Amino acid sequence: MKDKLKKLFIVFAILSIPAGFLAGDNHGVFWWHHMPLMDAIVGGVGAVFLLLIIKFVASFTSKKEDFYD
């Protein structure tokens, strides 16, 4: 089941690339709203950045393995 969900996610991720070019963007307010897929790129980079911050904070806030012994 997990393998099927992973494959389905990859298929939808790949299909979202041409969908970004086909979608109309006439309502752009800022300059990056007129670039195709820019919101997806910023979202992906932001997600990776948040994961790195979480790993950094967890490195010094997590308890040792024998904390409760």
C-alpha atoms as a PDB file:
ATOM      1  CA  MET A   1       0.000   0.000   0.000  1.00  0.00           C
ATOM      2  CA  LYS A   2       2.801   2.386   0.904  1.00  0.00           C
ATOM      3  CA  ASP A   3       4.545   1.710  -2.405  1.00  0.00           C
ATOM      4  CA  LYS A   4       1.352   2.447  -4.360  1.00  0.00           C
ATOM      5  CA  LEU A   5       0.871   5.761  -2.545  1.00  0.00           C
ATOM      6  CA  LYS A   6       4.467   6.733  -3.253  1.00  0.00           C
ATOM      7  CA  LYS A   7       4.037   5.972  -6.958  1.00  0.00           C
ATOM      8  CA  LEU A   8       0.743   7.874  -7.046  1.00  0.00           C
ATOM      9  CA  PHE A   9       2.396  10.886  -5.400  1.00  0.00           C
ATOM     10  CA  ILE A  10       5.219  10.841  -7.951  1.00  0.00           C
ATOM     11  CA  VAL A  11       2.728  10.658 -10.831  1.00  0.00           C
ATOM     12  CA  PHE A  12       0.765  13.636  -9.488  1.00  0.00           C
ATOM     13  CA  ALA A  13       3.973  15.582  -8.874  1.00  0.00           C
ATOM     14  CA  ILE A  14       5.077  14.989 -12.465  1.00  0.00           C
ATOM     15  CA  LEU A  15       1.638  15.873 -13.851  1.00  0.00           C
ATOM     16  CA  SER A  16       1.601  19.121 -11.884  1.00  0.00           C
ATOM     17  CA  ILE A  17       4.518  20.476 -13.941  1.00  0.00           C
ATOM     18  CA  PRO A  18       2.619  20.807 -17.240  1.00  0.00           C
ATOM     19  CA  ALA A  19      -0.460  21.903 -15.303  1.00  0.00           C
ATOM     20  CA  GLY A  20       1.542  24.872 -14.027  1.00  0.00           C
ATOM     21  CA  PHE A  21       2.191  25.973 -17.604  1.00  0.00           C
ATOM     22  CA  LEU A  22      -1.391  25.419 -18.742  1.00  0.00           C
ATOM     23  CA  ALA A  23      -3.065  27.292 -15.891  1.00  0.00           C
ATOM     24  CA  GLY A  24      -3.884  30.925 -16.532  1.00  0.00           C
ATOM     25  CA  ASP A  25      -2.119  33.498 -14.385  1.00  0.00           C
ATOM     26  CA  ASN A  26      -3.790  36.762 -15.340  1.00  0.00           C
ATOM     27  CA  HIS A  27      -4.275  37.795 -11.726  1.00  0.00           C
ATOM     28  CA  GLY A  28      -0.604  38.102 -10.746  1.00  0.00           C
ATOM     29  CA  VAL A  29       0.144  40.941  -8.377  1.00  0.00           C
ATOM     30  CA  PHE A  30       3.866  40.474  -7.856  1.00  0.00           C
ATOM     31  CA  TRP A  31       6.508  39.760 -10.514  1.00  0.00           C
ATOM     32  CA  TRP A  32       6.995  36.134  -9.454  1.00  0.00           C
ATOM     33  CA  HIS A  33       3.310  35.368  -9.937  1.00  0.00           C
ATOM     34  CA  HIS A  34       3.823  35.758 -13.688  1.00  0.00           C
ATOM     35  CA  MET A  35       6.506  33.025 -13.786  1.00  0.00           C
ATOM     36  CA  PRO A  36       5.204  29.466 -14.319  1.00  0.00           C
ATOM     37  CA  LEU A  37       5.748  27.094 -11.395  1.00  0.00           C
ATOM     38  CA  MET A  38       7.399  29.775  -9.246  1.00  0.00           C
ATOM     39  CA  ASP A  39       4.974  29.214  -6.360  1.00  0.00           C
ATOM     40  CA  ALA A  40       5.728  25.475  -6.442  1.00  0.00           C
ATOM     41  CA  ILE A  41       9.472  26.119  -6.459  1.00  0.00           C
ATOM     42  CA  VAL A  42       9.258  28.551  -3.546  1.00  0.00           C
ATOM     43  CA  GLY A  43       7.048  26.096  -1.653  1.00  0.00           C
ATOM     44  CA  GLY A  44       9.466  23.225  -2.196  1.00  0.00           C
ATOM     45  CA  VAL A  45      12.490  25.259  -1.159  1.00  0.00           C
ATOM     46  CA  GLY A  46      10.595  26.525   1.879  1.00  0.00           C
ATOM     47  CA  ALA A  47       9.649  22.985   2.909  1.00  0.00           C
ATOM     48  CA  VAL A  48      13.267  21.815   2.667  1.00  0.00           C
ATOM     49  CA  PHE A  49      14.386  24.873   4.641  1.00  0.00           C
ATOM     50  CA  LEU A  50      11.848  24.122   7.399  1.00  0.00           C
ATOM     51  CA  LEU A  51      13.013  20.507   7.570  1.00  0.00           C
ATOM     52  CA  LEU A  52      16.614  21.633   7.972  1.00  0.00           C
ATOM     53  CA  ILE A  53      15.625  24.016  10.766  1.00  0.00           C
ATOM     54  CA  ILE A  54      13.717  21.228  12.539  1.00  0.00           C
ATOM     55  CA  LYS A  55      16.714  18.884  12.300  1.00  0.00           C
ATOM     56  CA  PHE A  56      19.001  21.596  13.677  1.00  0.00           C
ATOM     57  CA  VAL A  57      16.720  22.397  16.617  1.00  0.00           C
ATOM     58  CA  ALA A  58      16.112  18.705  17.352  1.00  0.00           C
ATOM     59  CA  SER A  59      19.857  18.062  17.472  1.00  0.00           C
ATOM     60  CA  PHE A  60      20.252  19.995  20.729  1.00  0.00           C
ATOM     61  CA  THR A  61      16.756  19.745  22.241  1.00  0.00           C
ATOM     62  CA  SER A  62      16.260  15.969  22.035  1.00  0.00           C
ATOM     63  CA  LYS A  63      16.850  13.859  25.141  1.00  0.00           C
ATOM     64  CA  LYS A  64      19.545  11.232  25.379  1.00  0.00           C
ATOM     65  CA  GLU A  65      18.625   7.600  24.874  1.00  0.00           C
ATOM     66  CA  ASP A  66      19.176   6.717  28.561  1.00  0.00           C
ATOM     67  CA  PHE A  67      17.398   9.817  29.930  1.00  0.00           C
ATOM     68  CA  TYR A  68      14.760   7.892  31.896  1.00  0.00           C
ATOM     69  CA  ASP A  69      17.117   5.184  33.273  1.00  0.00           C
END
